[in-house]
Amino acid sequence: MGRVSRLSGAILAETDGNYYLIGDLKEPCDFEKAGFENPGEIAPLKEPFKRLTARRAIELKLPVLEIDLEGEPLAKLLSRSLTISRNGSVSERLWSLILDAEENEDEETIQASWLASMPAEIWDVVRESILKCK
């Protein structure tokens, strides 16, 4: 079971004790303070996700999504599903859609395994609709 949260505007995925940073940072991140070794350059257009090395126990920021997927397949799914391809940033609109803020406003853990089982073609239609400029 993968657990997914946010870190400085990017996505932080934990799977089997391994951590992945997905997407670009939207604010400066002190990786050491967050419990990780400095990963070096973050370049989401070249490398959509980056494995992080934890230096201590990591506490994920709430709310946390749970998805029935592990390892790099989870990181790839999150990158393909939630980042904006032209700049590598995480889409706040798509993240909010998955959180379904009104439905889950008091929840600390949200089941989102449906994202892993949804056909990519269907999610692409949803993405396109959500990301359209209004």
Protein backbone atom coordinates (compact mmCIF):
# COMPACT_ATOMS: atom_id res chain seq x y z
CA MET A 1 0.00 0.00 0.00
CA GLY A 2 1.46 3.35 -1.05
CA ARG A 3 0.90 6.43 1.08
CA VAL A 4 0.87 9.83 -0.58
CA SER A 5 1.21 13.31 0.86
CA ARG A 6 2.69 16.70 -0.05
CA LEU A 7 6.12 18.23 0.50
CA SER A 8 6.75 21.88 -0.43
CA GLY A 9 4.11 21.76 -3.17
CA ALA A 10 5.38 18.52 -4.72
CA ILE A 11 4.01 15.05 -3.99
CA LEU A 12 5.75 12.78 -1.50
CA ALA A 13 5.00 9.08 -1.89
CA GLU A 14 6.03 6.44 0.65
CA THR A 15 6.01 2.85 -0.41
CA ASP A 16 7.56 0.01 1.53
CA GLY A 17 9.89 2.39 3.39
CA ASN A 18 11.05 4.08 0.18
CA TYR A 19 10.24 7.72 -0.61
CA TYR A 20 9.68 9.41 -3.95
CA LEU A 21 9.37 13.11 -4.72
CA ILE A 22 7.00 13.66 -7.65
CA GLY A 23 6.72 16.93 -9.53
CA ASP A 24 8.38 20.28 -8.98
CA LEU A 25 8.71 22.09 -5.68
CA LYS A 26 6.49 25.16 -5.38
CA GLU A 27 8.39 26.57 -2.42
CA PRO A 28 11.89 26.15 -1.01
CA CYS A 29 12.40 22.84 0.78
CA ASP A 30 14.88 22.16 3.57
CA PHE A 31 15.26 18.44 2.86
CA GLU A 32 17.45 17.92 5.90
CA LYS A 33 14.83 19.46 8.20
CA ALA A 34 12.16 17.30 6.51
CA GLY A 35 14.26 14.21 7.31
CA PHE A 36 15.88 13.51 3.94
CA GLU A 37 19.33 13.74 2.41
CA ASN A 38 19.58 16.57 -0.10
CA PRO A 39 18.59 14.99 -3.45
CA GLY A 40 20.49 17.50 -5.55
CA GLU A 41 18.91 19.09 -8.60
CA ILE A 42 15.14 18.72 -8.96
CA ALA A 43 14.36 18.72 -12.70
CA PRO A 44 10.85 17.25 -13.15
CA LEU A 45 10.80 17.72 -16.93
CA LYS A 46 13.85 15.46 -17.24
CA GLU A 47 13.13 13.22 -14.25
CA PRO A 48 9.41 13.23 -13.27
CA PHE A 49 10.10 11.60 -9.91
CA LYS A 50 13.15 11.30 -7.72
CA ARG A 51 13.89 8.75 -5.02
CA LEU A 52 14.69 10.34 -1.66
CA THR A 53 16.84 8.88 1.11
CA ALA A 54 15.32 9.23 4.58
CA ARG A 55 17.69 10.10 7.43
CA ARG A 56 15.10 9.47 10.14
CA ALA A 57 11.46 8.44 10.57
CA ILE A 58 9.27 10.55 8.27
CA GLU A 59 5.86 11.84 9.30
CA LEU A 60 3.64 12.46 6.27
CA LYS A 61 1.64 15.68 6.19
CA LEU A 62 -2.12 15.12 6.50
CA PRO A 63 -4.26 14.29 4.66
CA VAL A 64 -2.62 11.11 3.37
CA LEU A 65 -3.90 9.22 0.33
CA GLU A 66 -3.66 5.43 0.32
CA ILE A 67 -3.27 3.72 -3.04
CA ASP A 68 -2.88 -0.03 -3.71
CA LEU A 69 0.34 0.36 -5.69
CA GLU A 70 4.02 0.12 -4.69
CA GLY A 71 7.44 1.32 -5.80
CA GLU A 72 8.21 3.10 -9.03
CA PRO A 73 4.82 2.15 -10.56
CA LEU A 74 3.19 4.34 -7.88
CA ALA A 75 5.57 7.24 -8.60
CA LYS A 76 4.93 6.90 -12.36
CA LEU A 77 1.15 6.84 -11.85
CA LEU A 78 1.24 9.96 -9.67
CA SER A 79 3.49 11.79 -12.11
CA ARG A 80 1.34 10.91 -15.12
CA SER A 81 -1.91 11.61 -13.29
CA LEU A 82 -1.21 14.75 -11.27
CA THR A 83 1.57 16.80 -12.85
CA ILE A 84 1.30 19.40 -15.58
CA SER A 85 3.39 18.20 -18.51
CA ARG A 86 4.58 21.65 -19.66
CA ASN A 87 6.23 22.57 -16.33
CA GLY A 88 6.30 19.50 -14.06
CA SER A 89 4.27 21.14 -11.29
CA VAL A 90 1.58 19.30 -9.37
CA SER A 91 -1.89 20.46 -10.39
CA GLU A 92 -3.71 21.80 -7.35
CA ARG A 93 -7.02 21.30 -9.18
CA LEU A 94 -6.34 17.60 -9.77
CA TRP A 95 -5.02 17.12 -6.22
CA SER A 96 -8.18 18.76 -4.82
CA LEU A 97 -10.35 16.56 -7.03
CA ILE A 98 -8.74 13.43 -5.62
CA LEU A 99 -9.02 14.73 -2.06
CA ASP A 100 -12.66 15.60 -2.70
CA ALA A 101 -12.28 18.26 -0.01
CA GLU A 102 -15.96 18.57 0.95
CA GLU A 103 -16.50 14.82 1.21
CA ASN A 104 -13.31 14.14 3.18
CA GLU A 105 -12.73 17.42 5.04
CA ASP A 106 -12.28 15.70 8.44
CA GLU A 107 -10.42 12.63 7.17
CA GLU A 108 -6.73 12.12 7.87
CA THR A 109 -6.42 9.11 5.54
CA ILE A 110 -8.28 8.93 2.23
CA GLN A 111 -8.63 5.78 0.14
CA ALA A 112 -7.66 6.62 -3.43
CA SER A 113 -6.97 3.17 -4.88
CA TRP A 114 -9.51 3.95 -7.58
CA LEU A 115 -6.84 6.13 -9.23
CA ALA A 116 -4.62 3.08 -9.84
CA SER A 117 -7.47 1.04 -11.29
CA MET A 118 -8.98 3.76 -13.49
CA PRO A 119 -8.20 3.32 -17.20
CA ALA A 120 -5.66 5.94 -18.32
CA GLU A 121 -7.92 7.00 -21.20
CA ILE A 122 -10.73 7.87 -18.77
CA TRP A 123 -8.39 9.80 -16.43
CA ASP A 124 -7.01 11.70 -19.46
CA VAL A 125 -10.53 12.98 -20.22
CA VAL A 126 -10.90 14.06 -16.58
CA ARG A 127 -7.45 15.72 -16.62
CA GLU A 128 -8.20 17.61 -19.80
CA SER A 129 -11.51 18.86 -18.42
CA ILE A 130 -10.04 19.93 -15.07
CA LEU A 131 -6.91 21.56 -16.53
CA LYS A 132 -8.74 23.59 -19.21
CA CYS A 133 -8.33 27.30 -18.68
CA LYS A 134 -11.60 28.91 -17.68
